[in-house]
Amino acid sequence: MRSCGKYISGLICLVFLLILTFPIHVLSEQIVVSVYPSALYVEVNSTFNVNVTVSNVHDLVGWEFKLYYLSAKLNGTSVVEGPFLKQGGNTFFYVVSFTDNYNVTHGMVWLTCTLLGAVPGVNGNGTLATITFRAKEPGSSGLILCDTMLSNSKANPIAHTVVHGIAYILTHDIAIAKVSPSKTVVGQGLTVKIDVMVRNEGNFTETFNVTAYANTTAIGTVIATIANGSFATVTLTWNTIGFAYGNYTIWAYACPVQGETDTNDNTLASNIQVHVGVPGNVWGNPYPPPVYDDVCNMRDVTYIILHFNAKPGSPNWEPNTDVNNDGVCNMRDVSIAILNFNKHE
């Protein structure tokens, strides 16, 4: 009796294990109609293919589906029948509808296909159809399967599940975010730093040229490398040798990267002009347009002395008083003003 009890207990355990494993086996053999690949990463203006596939099917003689997509993001361009059903013989493949204008927001692909004649159905896994799209603008679009139908050789529907897809549309996009001259007045023949903040609004790390201009004259170019979604500030130095006295608009241009389509924000001007004047003539109204008298005189010397020993970060730091642009207002700056005393533009 004791050995019999052990046998029965072992049998119960075996049956219990079979019950646990059977649903898992069934789930693994589910018939599935799916978008493949289920997630795609494509670039703006690129074309790409989407397959609609079936897996674990038995005795398939016909299929039909509708696939919806965002027409603002994707443009459907072509469809072809896949090779799966053709394994069973000749087929009738029909495009019921293929339009980007199914409604105000979505396009639709509506396809149907069947084996011709009284032939057995096809078994296994394969591609029912391939659809080609063009990516129009950054963002994403679902690839949504609806009204999917599978039928067997007895004209009965085949139960199945559906797996939708999504297309992520990536882009190359850089922009100039800010242009900041370090001074609003610079002595002719001296230098001023131009900080240019650049932004990567795309999905890829980019390397590109940034050029700064004073009016229409290029004053320097640097190379920037920025990860996607990041900001960076590049600094250029404008040497004003050869530039006439007067006010200059400072602006920057980021050379478009390969594949970039939004170039409207690749150019930006500073909202503050820079005045090229007599070295040491630093006193005046710096805001646009800068207003400075045309002579270096005692007002300028006094203004520099009032900021003596100031550095960036000091409470009384005034960049214009750092005449020679060495990062501190000191006797060298006073000396430049004195050397140009009473000199007019």
C-alpha atoms as a PDB file:
ATOM      1  CA  MET A   1       0.000   0.000   0.000  1.00  0.00           C
ATOM      2  CA  ARG A   2       2.825   2.368   0.892  1.00  0.00           C
ATOM      3  CA  SER A   3       4.553   1.811  -2.476  1.00  0.00           C
ATOM      4  CA  CYS A   4       1.241   2.256  -4.288  1.00  0.00           C
ATOM      5  CA  GLY A   5       0.732   5.558  -2.510  1.00  0.00           C
ATOM      6  CA  LYS A   6       4.133   6.725  -3.650  1.00  0.00           C
ATOM      7  CA  TYR A   7       3.260   5.716  -7.225  1.00  0.00           C
ATOM      8  CA  ILE A   8      -0.023   7.627  -7.152  1.00  0.00           C
ATOM      9  CA  SER A   9       1.680  10.676  -5.657  1.00  0.00           C
ATOM     10  CA  GLY A  10       4.286  10.600  -8.402  1.00  0.00           C
ATOM     11  CA  LEU A  11       1.580  10.285 -11.064  1.00  0.00           C
ATOM     12  CA  ILE A  12      -0.311  13.264  -9.645  1.00  0.00           C
ATOM     13  CA  CYS A  13       2.869  15.345  -9.758  1.00  0.00           C
ATOM     14  CA  LEU A  14       3.488  14.347 -13.375  1.00  0.00           C
ATOM     15  CA  VAL A  15      -0.075  15.272 -14.395  1.00  0.00           C
ATOM     16  CA  PHE A  16       0.258  18.582 -12.564  1.00  0.00           C
ATOM     17  CA  LEU A  17       3.476  19.359 -14.418  1.00  0.00           C
ATOM     18  CA  LEU A  18       1.827  18.532 -17.744  1.00  0.00           C
ATOM     19  CA  ILE A  19      -1.051  20.872 -16.943  1.00  0.00           C
ATOM     20  CA  LEU A  20       1.416  23.652 -16.147  1.00  0.00           C
ATOM     21  CA  THR A  21       3.476  23.173 -19.275  1.00  0.00           C
ATOM     22  CA  PHE A  22       0.653  22.581 -21.764  1.00  0.00           C
ATOM     23  CA  PRO A  23      -0.627  26.197 -21.870  1.00  0.00           C
ATOM     24  CA  ILE A  24       2.925  27.454 -22.378  1.00  0.00           C
ATOM     25  CA  HIS A  25       3.327  25.090 -25.328  1.00  0.00           C
ATOM     26  CA  VAL A  26       0.030  26.257 -26.793  1.00  0.00           C
ATOM     27  CA  LEU A  27       1.002  29.914 -26.405  1.00  0.00           C
ATOM     28  CA  SER A  28       4.298  29.298 -28.173  1.00  0.00           C
ATOM     29  CA  GLU A  29       2.380  27.898 -31.162  1.00  0.00           C
ATOM     30  CA  GLN A  30      -0.137  30.721 -31.459  1.00  0.00           C
ATOM     31  CA  ILE A  31      -0.957  31.811 -34.966  1.00  0.00           C
ATOM     32  CA  VAL A  32       0.166  35.405 -35.279  1.00  0.00           C
ATOM     33  CA  VAL A  33      -0.237  38.034 -37.985  1.00  0.00           C
ATOM     34  CA  SER A  34       2.330  40.724 -37.347  1.00  0.00           C
ATOM     35  CA  VAL A  35       4.155  43.759 -38.667  1.00  0.00           C
ATOM     36  CA  TYR A  36       7.813  42.851 -39.068  1.00  0.00           C
ATOM     37  CA  PRO A  37       9.982  44.306 -37.829  1.00  0.00           C
ATOM     38  CA  SER A  38       7.683  45.544 -35.092  1.00  0.00           C
ATOM     39  CA  ALA A  39       9.903  48.598 -34.479  1.00  0.00           C
ATOM     40  CA  LEU A  40      11.743  50.429 -37.239  1.00  0.00           C
ATOM     41  CA  TYR A  41      14.203  53.323 -36.981  1.00  0.00           C
ATOM     42  CA  VAL A  42      14.455  55.294 -40.208  1.00  0.00           C
ATOM     43  CA  GLU A  43      15.647  58.721 -41.303  1.00  0.00           C
ATOM     44  CA  VAL A  44      13.605  61.551 -42.780  1.00  0.00           C
ATOM     45  CA  ASN A  45      13.254  61.207 -46.574  1.00  0.00           C
ATOM     46  CA  SER A  46      14.420  57.594 -46.528  1.00  0.00           C
ATOM     47  CA  THR A  47      12.370  54.735 -47.959  1.00  0.00           C
ATOM     48  CA  PHE A  48      11.910  51.485 -46.066  1.00  0.00           C
ATOM     49  CA  ASN A  49       9.984  48.220 -46.263  1.00  0.00           C
ATOM     50  CA  VAL A  50       7.507  46.773 -43.811  1.00  0.00           C
ATOM     51  CA  ASN A  51       6.523  43.112 -43.987  1.00  0.00           C
ATOM     52  CA  VAL A  52       3.211  41.719 -42.809  1.00  0.00           C
ATOM     53  CA  THR A  53       3.925  38.149 -41.773  1.00  0.00           C
ATOM     54  CA  VAL A  54       2.121  35.079 -40.474  1.00  0.00           C
ATOM     55  CA  SER A  55       3.559  32.440 -38.152  1.00  0.00           C
ATOM     56  CA  ASN A  56       2.517  28.945 -37.024  1.00  0.00           C
ATOM     57  CA  VAL A  57      -0.363  28.796 -39.499  1.00  0.00           C
ATOM     58  CA  HIS A  58      -1.804  25.546 -40.901  1.00  0.00           C
ATOM     59  CA  ASP A  59      -3.801  25.083 -44.109  1.00  0.00           C
ATOM     60  CA  LEU A  60      -3.832  28.764 -45.103  1.00  0.00           C
ATOM     61  CA  VAL A  61      -5.552  29.454 -48.438  1.00  0.00           C
ATOM     62  CA  GLY A  62      -6.472  33.114 -48.087  1.00  0.00           C
ATOM     63  CA  TRP A  63      -5.766  36.253 -46.098  1.00  0.00           C
ATOM     64  CA  GLU A  64      -6.812  39.894 -45.812  1.00  0.00           C
ATOM     65  CA  PHE A  65      -5.774  42.863 -43.707  1.00  0.00           C
ATOM     66  CA  LYS A  66      -5.896  46.630 -43.372  1.00  0.00           C
ATOM     67  CA  LEU A  67      -2.899  48.576 -42.131  1.00  0.00           C
ATOM     68  CA  TYR A  68      -3.218  52.181 -40.970  1.00  0.00           C
ATOM     69  CA  TYR A  69      -0.429  54.790 -40.592  1.00  0.00           C
ATOM     70  CA  LEU A  70      -0.070  58.529 -39.940  1.00  0.00           C
ATOM     71  CA  SER A  71      -0.061  60.287 -43.287  1.00  0.00           C
ATOM     72  CA  ALA A  72       1.750  63.325 -41.832  1.00  0.00           C
ATOM     73  CA  LYS A  73       4.716  61.096 -41.014  1.00  0.00           C
ATOM     74  CA  LEU A  74       4.677  58.448 -43.751  1.00  0.00           C
ATOM     75  CA  ASN A  75       3.929  58.289 -47.447  1.00  0.00           C
ATOM     76  CA  GLY A  76       2.953  54.850 -48.750  1.00  0.00           C
ATOM     77  CA  THR A  77       4.636  54.230 -52.100  1.00  0.00           C
ATOM     78  CA  SER A  78       4.190  50.601 -53.184  1.00  0.00           C
ATOM     79  CA  VAL A  79       3.013  47.103 -52.198  1.00  0.00           C
ATOM     80  CA  VAL A  80       3.929  43.629 -53.426  1.00  0.00           C
ATOM     81  CA  GLU A  81       2.673  40.197 -52.534  1.00  0.00           C
ATOM     82  CA  GLY A  82       4.962  38.181 -50.306  1.00  0.00           C
ATOM     83  CA  PRO A  83       6.185  34.676 -51.219  1.00  0.00           C
ATOM     84  CA  PHE A  84       4.402  32.696 -48.493  1.00  0.00           C
ATOM     85  CA  LEU A  85       1.041  31.884 -50.057  1.00  0.00           C
ATOM     86  CA  LYS A  86       2.603  31.338 -53.487  1.00  0.00           C
ATOM     87  CA  GLN A  87       4.140  28.153 -52.127  1.00  0.00           C
ATOM     88  CA  GLY A  88       0.700  26.568 -52.544  1.00  0.00           C
ATOM     89  CA  GLY A  89       0.247  27.518 -56.220  1.00  0.00           C
ATOM     90  CA  ASN A  90      -1.121  30.435 -58.213  1.00  0.00           C
ATOM     91  CA  THR A  91      -2.653  33.268 -56.221  1.00  0.00           C
ATOM     92  CA  PHE A  92      -5.039  36.148 -56.758  1.00  0.00           C
ATOM     93  CA  PHE A  93      -3.501  39.210 -55.062  1.00  0.00           C
ATOM     94  CA  TYR A  94      -5.616  42.376 -54.985  1.00  0.00           C
ATOM     95  CA  VAL A  95      -5.013  45.888 -53.664  1.00  0.00           C
ATOM     96  CA  VAL A  96      -8.452  46.932 -52.445  1.00  0.00           C
ATOM     97  CA  SER A  97      -7.235  50.384 -51.373  1.00  0.00           C
ATOM     98  CA  PHE A  98      -3.884  52.079 -50.942  1.00  0.00           C
ATOM     99  CA  THR A  99      -4.059  55.753 -50.037  1.00  0.00           C
ATOM    100  CA  ASP A 100      -2.393  58.366 -47.850  1.00  0.00           C
ATOM    101  CA  ASN A 101      -5.786  60.069 -47.547  1.00  0.00           C
ATOM    102  CA  TYR A 102      -8.017  57.491 -45.892  1.00  0.00           C
ATOM    103  CA  ASN A 103      -9.050  60.320 -43.567  1.00  0.00           C
ATOM    104  CA  VAL A 104      -7.562  63.628 -42.401  1.00  0.00           C
ATOM    105  CA  THR A 105      -4.907  61.938 -40.283  1.00  0.00           C
ATOM    106  CA  HIS A 106      -4.303  58.442 -41.610  1.00  0.00           C
ATOM    107  CA  GLY A 107      -3.400  56.488 -44.684  1.00  0.00           C
ATOM    108  CA  MET A 108      -4.510  52.907 -45.260  1.00  0.00           C
ATOM    109  CA  VAL A 109      -3.322  49.787 -47.059  1.00  0.00           C
ATOM    110  CA  TRP A 110      -6.081  47.224 -47.678  1.00  0.00           C
ATOM    111  CA  LEU A 111      -4.884  43.999 -49.264  1.00  0.00           C
ATOM    112  CA  THR A 112      -6.380  40.582 -49.939  1.00  0.00           C
ATOM    113  CA  CYS A 113      -5.001  37.378 -51.439  1.00  0.00           C
ATOM    114  CA  THR A 114      -6.174  33.803 -52.059  1.00  0.00           C
ATOM    115  CA  LEU A 115      -4.921  30.579 -53.623  1.00  0.00           C
ATOM    116  CA  LEU A 116      -6.612  29.690 -56.910  1.00  0.00           C
ATOM    117  CA  GLY A 117      -8.284  26.316 -57.356  1.00  0.00           C
ATOM    118  CA  ALA A 118      -9.059  23.476 -54.998  1.00  0.00           C
ATOM    119  CA  VAL A 119      -5.602  23.132 -53.504  1.00  0.00           C
ATOM    120  CA  PRO A 120      -4.405  22.405 -49.975  1.00  0.00           C
ATOM    121  CA  GLY A 121      -3.395  25.330 -47.840  1.00  0.00           C
ATOM    122  CA  VAL A 122       0.105  26.417 -46.866  1.00  0.00           C
ATOM    123  CA  ASN A 123       1.695  25.676 -43.507  1.00  0.00           C
ATOM    124  CA  GLY A 124       4.348  27.443 -41.462  1.00  0.00           C
ATOM    125  CA  ASN A 125       5.733  30.959 -41.340  1.00  0.00           C
ATOM    126  CA  GLY A 126       6.283  33.610 -43.987  1.00  0.00           C
ATOM    127  CA  THR A 127       5.634  37.009 -45.503  1.00  0.00           C
ATOM    128  CA  LEU A 128       2.134  37.809 -46.775  1.00  0.00           C
ATOM    129  CA  ALA A 129       2.950  41.238 -48.253  1.00  0.00           C
ATOM    130  CA  THR A 130       5.632  43.924 -48.304  1.00  0.00           C
ATOM    131  CA  ILE A 131       4.740  47.606 -48.133  1.00  0.00           C
ATOM    132  CA  THR A 132       7.181  50.402 -48.972  1.00  0.00           C
ATOM    133  CA  PHE A 133       6.993  53.772 -47.222  1.00  0.00           C
ATOM    134  CA  ARG A 134       8.851  57.069 -47.375  1.00  0.00           C
ATOM    135  CA  ALA A 135       9.530  58.856 -44.076  1.00  0.00           C
ATOM    136  CA  LYS A 136       8.269  62.435 -44.340  1.00  0.00           C
ATOM    137  CA  GLU A 137       9.053  64.189 -41.061  1.00  0.00           C
ATOM    138  CA  PRO A 138      10.487  63.465 -37.599  1.00  0.00           C
ATOM    139  CA  GLY A 139       8.360  61.673 -35.054  1.00  0.00           C
ATOM    140  CA  SER A 140       6.706  58.291 -35.044  1.00  0.00           C
ATOM    141  CA  SER A 141       3.808  56.489 -36.666  1.00  0.00           C
ATOM    142  CA  GLY A 142       2.019  53.391 -35.565  1.00  0.00           C
ATOM    143  CA  LEU A 143       1.603  50.617 -38.148  1.00  0.00           C
ATOM    144  CA  ILE A 144      -1.751  49.304 -37.011  1.00  0.00           C
ATOM    145  CA  LEU A 145      -3.238  46.080 -38.354  1.00  0.00           C
ATOM    146  CA  CYS A 146      -7.035  45.890 -38.428  1.00  0.00           C
ATOM    147  CA  ASP A 147      -9.706  43.548 -39.846  1.00  0.00           C
ATOM    148  CA  THR A 148      -7.182  40.758 -40.315  1.00  0.00           C
ATOM    149  CA  MET A 149      -8.633  37.542 -41.730  1.00  0.00           C
ATOM    150  CA  LEU A 150      -7.117  34.112 -42.375  1.00  0.00           C
ATOM    151  CA  SER A 151      -9.050  31.247 -43.958  1.00  0.00           C
ATOM    152  CA  ASN A 152      -8.369  27.550 -44.540  1.00  0.00           C
ATOM    153  CA  SER A 153      -9.198  25.147 -47.360  1.00  0.00           C
ATOM    154  CA  LYS A 154     -12.622  24.494 -45.826  1.00  0.00           C
ATOM    155  CA  ALA A 155     -13.432  28.195 -46.038  1.00  0.00           C
ATOM    156  CA  ASN A 156     -13.332  28.451 -42.270  1.00  0.00           C
ATOM    157  CA  PRO A 157     -11.684  31.379 -40.488  1.00  0.00           C
ATOM    158  CA  ILE A 158      -8.413  30.684 -38.701  1.00  0.00           C
ATOM    159  CA  ALA A 159      -8.189  32.214 -35.239  1.00  0.00           C
ATOM    160  CA  HIS A 160      -5.078  34.287 -34.692  1.00  0.00           C
ATOM    161  CA  THR A 161      -3.573  37.163 -32.758  1.00  0.00           C
ATOM    162  CA  VAL A 162      -2.147  40.423 -34.119  1.00  0.00           C
ATOM    163  CA  VAL A 163       1.084  42.284 -33.417  1.00  0.00           C
ATOM    164  CA  HIS A 164       1.210  45.910 -34.560  1.00  0.00           C
ATOM    165  CA  GLY A 165       4.315  47.911 -35.441  1.00  0.00           C
ATOM    166  CA  ILE A 166       5.755  51.383 -35.083  1.00  0.00           C
ATOM    167  CA  ALA A 167       8.131  53.453 -37.205  1.00  0.00           C
ATOM    168  CA  TYR A 168      10.413  55.933 -35.446  1.00  0.00           C
ATOM    169  CA  ILE A 169      11.486  58.658 -37.870  1.00  0.00           C
ATOM    170  CA  LEU A 170      14.867  60.075 -36.962  1.00  0.00           C
ATOM    171  CA  THR A 171      16.436  63.256 -38.208  1.00  0.00           C
ATOM    172  CA  HIS A 172      19.638  65.257 -38.511  1.00  0.00           C
ATOM    173  CA  ASP A 173      19.010  68.759 -37.174  1.00  0.00           C
ATOM    174  CA  ILE A 174      21.401  71.330 -35.714  1.00  0.00           C
ATOM    175  CA  ALA A 175      20.686  74.918 -34.741  1.00  0.00           C
ATOM    176  CA  ILE A 176      22.287  78.108 -33.487  1.00  0.00           C
ATOM    177  CA  ALA A 177      20.725  78.880 -30.100  1.00  0.00           C
ATOM    178  CA  LYS A 178      22.566  82.062 -29.060  1.00  0.00           C
ATOM    179  CA  VAL A 179      25.315  84.438 -30.194  1.00  0.00           C
ATOM    180  CA  SER A 180      27.056  86.427 -27.457  1.00  0.00           C
ATOM    181  CA  PRO A 181      29.928  88.867 -28.044  1.00  0.00           C
ATOM    182  CA  SER A 182      32.031  89.320 -24.914  1.00  0.00           C
ATOM    183  CA  LYS A 183      32.045  93.109 -25.424  1.00  0.00           C
ATOM    184  CA  THR A 184      29.894  95.760 -26.978  1.00  0.00           C
ATOM    185  CA  VAL A 185      32.873  97.953 -27.881  1.00  0.00           C
ATOM    186  CA  VAL A 186      36.337  96.949 -29.075  1.00  0.00           C
ATOM    187  CA  GLY A 187      39.313  99.022 -30.017  1.00  0.00           C
ATOM    188  CA  GLN A 188      40.257  98.882 -33.686  1.00  0.00           C
ATOM    189  CA  GLY A 189      43.002  96.291 -34.132  1.00  0.00           C
ATOM    190  CA  LEU A 190      42.162  94.523 -30.852  1.00  0.00           C
ATOM    191  CA  THR A 191      40.106  91.394 -30.233  1.00  0.00           C
ATOM    192  CA  VAL A 192      36.709  90.350 -28.874  1.00  0.00           C
ATOM    193  CA  LYS A 193      35.455  86.858 -28.091  1.00  0.00           C
ATOM    194  CA  ILE A 194      32.257  85.570 -29.693  1.00  0.00           C
ATOM    195  CA  ASP A 195      30.453  82.747 -27.843  1.00  0.00           C
ATOM    196  CA  VAL A 196      28.110  80.716 -30.046  1.00  0.00           C
ATOM    197  CA  MET A 197      25.729  78.261 -28.403  1.00  0.00           C
ATOM    198  CA  VAL A 198      24.815  75.423 -30.749  1.00  0.00           C
ATOM    199  CA  ARG A 199      22.095  72.852 -30.215  1.00  0.00           C
ATOM    200  CA  ASN A 200      21.644  69.346 -31.640  1.00  0.00           C
ATOM    201  CA  GLU A 201      17.903  68.849 -32.110  1.00  0.00           C
ATOM    202  CA  GLY A 202      18.282  65.625 -34.069  1.00  0.00           C
ATOM    203  CA  ASN A 203      18.844  61.974 -33.192  1.00  0.00           C
ATOM    204  CA  PHE A 204      22.516  61.553 -34.081  1.00  0.00           C
ATOM    205  CA  THR A 205      25.845  62.860 -32.831  1.00  0.00           C
ATOM    206  CA  GLU A 206      26.913  65.511 -35.328  1.00  0.00           C
ATOM    207  CA  THR A 207      30.191  67.165 -36.316  1.00  0.00           C
ATOM    208  CA  PHE A 208      29.889  70.421 -38.244  1.00  0.00           C
ATOM    209  CA  ASN A 209      31.424  73.833 -38.915  1.00  0.00           C
ATOM    210  CA  VAL A 210      30.316  76.990 -37.128  1.00  0.00           C
ATOM    211  CA  THR A 211      31.280  80.311 -38.725  1.00  0.00           C
ATOM    212  CA  ALA A 212      30.892  83.728 -37.107  1.00  0.00           C
ATOM    213  CA  TYR A 213      30.438  86.929 -39.121  1.00  0.00           C
ATOM    214  CA  ALA A 214      30.730  90.660 -38.532  1.00  0.00           C
ATOM    215  CA  ASN A 215      28.234  92.123 -40.978  1.00  0.00           C
ATOM    216  CA  THR A 216      29.107  90.144 -44.124  1.00  0.00           C
ATOM    217  CA  THR A 217      32.726  89.318 -43.283  1.00  0.00           C
ATOM    218  CA  ALA A 218      33.602  85.896 -41.882  1.00  0.00           C
ATOM    219  CA  ILE A 219      35.685  86.308 -38.739  1.00  0.00           C
ATOM    220  CA  GLY A 220      36.395  82.658 -37.943  1.00  0.00           C
ATOM    221  CA  THR A 221      35.289  79.036 -38.177  1.00  0.00           C
ATOM    222  CA  VAL A 222      35.418  76.253 -35.589  1.00  0.00           C
ATOM    223  CA  ILE A 223      34.390  72.597 -35.659  1.00  0.00           C
ATOM    224  CA  ALA A 224      31.749  71.458 -33.172  1.00  0.00           C
ATOM    225  CA  THR A 225      30.838  67.890 -32.211  1.00  0.00           C
ATOM    226  CA  ILE A 226      27.604  67.519 -30.240  1.00  0.00           C
ATOM    227  CA  ALA A 227      25.634  64.489 -29.078  1.00  0.00           C
ATOM    228  CA  ASN A 228      21.948  64.335 -29.902  1.00  0.00           C
ATOM    229  CA  GLY A 229      19.783  66.398 -27.584  1.00  0.00           C
ATOM    230  CA  SER A 230      22.759  68.374 -26.256  1.00  0.00           C
ATOM    231  CA  PHE A 231      23.995  71.963 -26.196  1.00  0.00           C
ATOM    232  CA  ALA A 232      27.545  73.226 -26.535  1.00  0.00           C
ATOM    233  CA  THR A 233      29.198  76.640 -26.662  1.00  0.00           C
ATOM    234  CA  VAL A 234      32.042  77.296 -29.056  1.00  0.00           C
ATOM    235  CA  THR A 235      34.185  80.427 -28.835  1.00  0.00           C
ATOM    236  CA  LEU A 236      35.668  82.354 -31.721  1.00  0.00           C
ATOM    237  CA  THR A 237      37.991  85.346 -31.517  1.00  0.00           C
ATOM    238  CA  TRP A 238      37.373  88.326 -33.756  1.00  0.00           C
ATOM    239  CA  ASN A 239      40.529  90.245 -34.558  1.00  0.00           C
ATOM    240  CA  THR A 240      39.390  93.675 -35.704  1.00  0.00           C
ATOM    241  CA  ILE A 241      42.542  94.537 -37.664  1.00  0.00           C
ATOM    242  CA  GLY A 242      41.420  96.054 -40.962  1.00  0.00           C
ATOM    243  CA  PHE A 243      37.837  96.722 -39.846  1.00  0.00           C
ATOM    244  CA  ALA A 244      36.573 100.278 -40.187  1.00  0.00           C
ATOM    245  CA  TYR A 245      35.147 102.250 -37.294  1.00  0.00           C
ATOM    246  CA  GLY A 246      31.439 101.651 -36.762  1.00  0.00           C
ATOM    247  CA  ASN A 247      28.768  99.258 -35.523  1.00  0.00           C
ATOM    248  CA  TYR A 248      28.785  95.594 -36.561  1.00  0.00           C
ATOM    249  CA  THR A 249      26.099  92.962 -36.423  1.00  0.00           C
ATOM    250  CA  ILE A 250      27.564  89.685 -35.159  1.00  0.00           C
ATOM    251  CA  TRP A 251      25.930  86.493 -36.369  1.00  0.00           C
ATOM    252  CA  ALA A 252      26.735  82.813 -36.735  1.00  0.00           C
ATOM    253  CA  TYR A 253      26.001  80.065 -39.224  1.00  0.00           C
ATOM    254  CA  ALA A 254      26.065  76.310 -38.631  1.00  0.00           C
ATOM    255  CA  CYS A 255      26.821  74.448 -41.851  1.00  0.00           C
ATOM    256  CA  PRO A 256      24.004  71.910 -42.435  1.00  0.00           C
ATOM    257  CA  VAL A 257      24.910  68.288 -41.813  1.00  0.00           C
ATOM    258  CA  GLN A 258      24.174  65.525 -44.286  1.00  0.00           C
ATOM    259  CA  GLY A 259      20.485  64.682 -44.330  1.00  0.00           C
ATOM    260  CA  GLU A 260      19.380  67.880 -42.561  1.00  0.00           C
ATOM    261  CA  THR A 261      16.162  69.377 -43.869  1.00  0.00           C
ATOM    262  CA  ASP A 262      15.311  72.054 -41.283  1.00  0.00           C
ATOM    263  CA  THR A 263      17.946  74.716 -41.943  1.00  0.00           C
ATOM    264  CA  ASN A 264      15.939  77.808 -40.962  1.00  0.00           C
ATOM    265  CA  ASP A 265      17.504  77.788 -37.486  1.00  0.00           C
ATOM    266  CA  ASN A 266      21.086  77.302 -38.681  1.00  0.00           C
ATOM    267  CA  THR A 267      21.594  81.092 -38.746  1.00  0.00           C
ATOM    268  CA  LEU A 268      21.215  83.516 -35.849  1.00  0.00           C
ATOM    269  CA  ALA A 269      22.331  87.086 -35.144  1.00  0.00           C
ATOM    270  CA  SER A 270      23.166  88.601 -31.767  1.00  0.00           C
ATOM    271  CA  ASN A 271      20.693  91.216 -30.600  1.00  0.00           C
ATOM    272  CA  ILE A 272      23.635  93.380 -29.498  1.00  0.00           C
ATOM    273  CA  GLN A 273      25.899  95.075 -32.016  1.00  0.00           C
ATOM    274  CA  VAL A 274      29.608  95.563 -31.426  1.00  0.00           C
ATOM    275  CA  HIS A 275      31.176  98.975 -31.985  1.00  0.00           C
ATOM    276  CA  VAL A 276      34.700  99.156 -33.393  1.00  0.00           C
ATOM    277  CA  GLY A 277      36.216 102.396 -32.164  1.00  0.00           C
ATOM    278  CA  VAL A 278      39.376 104.092 -30.927  1.00  0.00           C
ATOM    279  CA  PRO A 279      41.198 101.773 -28.486  1.00  0.00           C
ATOM    280  CA  GLY A 280      40.376 102.987 -24.989  1.00  0.00           C
ATOM    281  CA  ASN A 281      37.100 104.676 -25.978  1.00  0.00           C
ATOM    282  CA  VAL A 282      34.903 102.507 -23.751  1.00  0.00           C
ATOM    283  CA  TRP A 283      32.398 104.839 -22.134  1.00  0.00           C
ATOM    284  CA  GLY A 284      28.909 105.017 -23.587  1.00  0.00           C
ATOM    285  CA  ASN A 285      25.586 103.243 -24.022  1.00  0.00           C
ATOM    286  CA  PRO A 286      26.331  99.653 -25.062  1.00  0.00           C
ATOM    287  CA  TYR A 287      22.835  98.576 -26.024  1.00  0.00           C
ATOM    288  CA  PRO A 288      21.631  98.388 -29.591  1.00  0.00           C
ATOM    289  CA  PRO A 289      22.707 100.307 -31.368  1.00  0.00           C
ATOM    290  CA  PRO A 290      25.830 101.090 -29.304  1.00  0.00           C
ATOM    291  CA  VAL A 291      26.280 104.837 -28.803  1.00  0.00           C
ATOM    292  CA  TYR A 292      29.851 105.989 -28.148  1.00  0.00           C
ATOM    293  CA  ASP A 293      31.388 109.369 -28.779  1.00  0.00           C
ATOM    294  CA  ASP A 294      34.148 109.319 -31.374  1.00  0.00           C
ATOM    295  CA  VAL A 295      37.012 110.256 -29.072  1.00  0.00           C
ATOM    296  CA  CYS A 296      39.041 108.644 -26.316  1.00  0.00           C
ATOM    297  CA  ASN A 297      39.162 111.153 -23.480  1.00  0.00           C
ATOM    298  CA  MET A 298      39.140 111.542 -19.718  1.00  0.00           C
ATOM    299  CA  ARG A 299      35.692 110.026 -19.358  1.00  0.00           C
ATOM    300  CA  ASP A 300      37.080 106.781 -20.745  1.00  0.00           C
ATOM    301  CA  VAL A 301      40.188 106.821 -18.558  1.00  0.00           C
ATOM    302  CA  THR A 302      38.033 107.467 -15.482  1.00  0.00           C
ATOM    303  CA  TYR A 303      35.613 104.679 -16.443  1.00  0.00           C
ATOM    304  CA  ILE A 304      38.492 102.203 -16.748  1.00  0.00           C
ATOM    305  CA  ILE A 305      39.970 103.259 -13.395  1.00  0.00           C
ATOM    306  CA  LEU A 306      36.582 102.802 -11.685  1.00  0.00           C
ATOM    307  CA  HIS A 307      36.766  99.113 -12.709  1.00  0.00           C
ATOM    308  CA  PHE A 308      40.438  98.670 -11.893  1.00  0.00           C
ATOM    309  CA  ASN A 309      41.448  95.065 -11.032  1.00  0.00           C
ATOM    310  CA  ALA A 310      38.002  93.719 -11.921  1.00  0.00           C
ATOM    311  CA  LYS A 311      37.912  90.242 -13.459  1.00  0.00           C
ATOM    312  CA  PRO A 312      35.112  88.005 -14.777  1.00  0.00           C
ATOM    313  CA  GLY A 313      33.001  87.194 -11.724  1.00  0.00           C
ATOM    314  CA  SER A 314      33.893  90.385  -9.869  1.00  0.00           C
ATOM    315  CA  PRO A 315      30.888  92.490  -8.793  1.00  0.00           C
ATOM    316  CA  ASN A 316      32.166  95.460 -10.807  1.00  0.00           C
ATOM    317  CA  TRP A 317      33.342  93.509 -13.861  1.00  0.00           C
ATOM    318  CA  GLU A 318      32.784  95.435 -17.073  1.00  0.00           C
ATOM    319  CA  PRO A 319      34.148  93.600 -20.155  1.00  0.00           C
ATOM    320  CA  ASN A 320      34.512  96.786 -22.193  1.00  0.00           C
ATOM    321  CA  THR A 321      37.078  98.142 -19.733  1.00  0.00           C
ATOM    322  CA  ASP A 322      39.316  95.144 -20.427  1.00  0.00           C
ATOM    323  CA  VAL A 323      40.585  96.951 -23.483  1.00  0.00           C
ATOM    324  CA  ASN A 324      43.248  94.418 -24.476  1.00  0.00           C
ATOM    325  CA  ASN A 325      40.966  91.446 -23.750  1.00  0.00           C
ATOM    326  CA  ASP A 326      43.337  89.658 -21.352  1.00  0.00           C
ATOM    327  CA  GLY A 327      40.711  88.940 -18.681  1.00  0.00           C
ATOM    328  CA  VAL A 328      41.436  91.741 -16.214  1.00  0.00           C
ATOM    329  CA  CYS A 329      41.059  95.505 -16.110  1.00  0.00           C
ATOM    330  CA  ASN A 330      44.444  96.867 -15.083  1.00  0.00           C
ATOM    331  CA  MET A 331      47.153  99.401 -15.878  1.00  0.00           C
ATOM    332  CA  ARG A 332      47.698  97.974 -19.354  1.00  0.00           C
ATOM    333  CA  ASP A 333      44.155  99.039 -20.254  1.00  0.00           C
ATOM    334  CA  VAL A 334      44.653 102.488 -18.734  1.00  0.00           C
ATOM    335  CA  SER A 335      47.883 102.818 -20.731  1.00  0.00           C
ATOM    336  CA  ILE A 336      46.105 102.025 -24.022  1.00  0.00           C
ATOM    337  CA  ALA A 337      43.548 104.758 -23.311  1.00  0.00           C
ATOM    338  CA  ILE A 338      46.275 107.231 -22.449  1.00  0.00           C
ATOM    339  CA  LEU A 339      48.242 106.377 -25.620  1.00  0.00           C
ATOM    340  CA  ASN A 340      45.101 107.144 -27.652  1.00  0.00           C
ATOM    341  CA  PHE A 341      44.061 110.204 -25.620  1.00  0.00           C
ATOM    342  CA  ASN A 342      42.122 112.733 -27.704  1.00  0.00           C
ATOM    343  CA  LYS A 343      42.264 110.411 -30.742  1.00  0.00           C
ATOM    344  CA  HIS A 344      39.092 110.600 -32.862  1.00  0.00           C
ATOM    345  CA  GLU A 345      37.459 108.019 -35.080  1.00  0.00           C
END
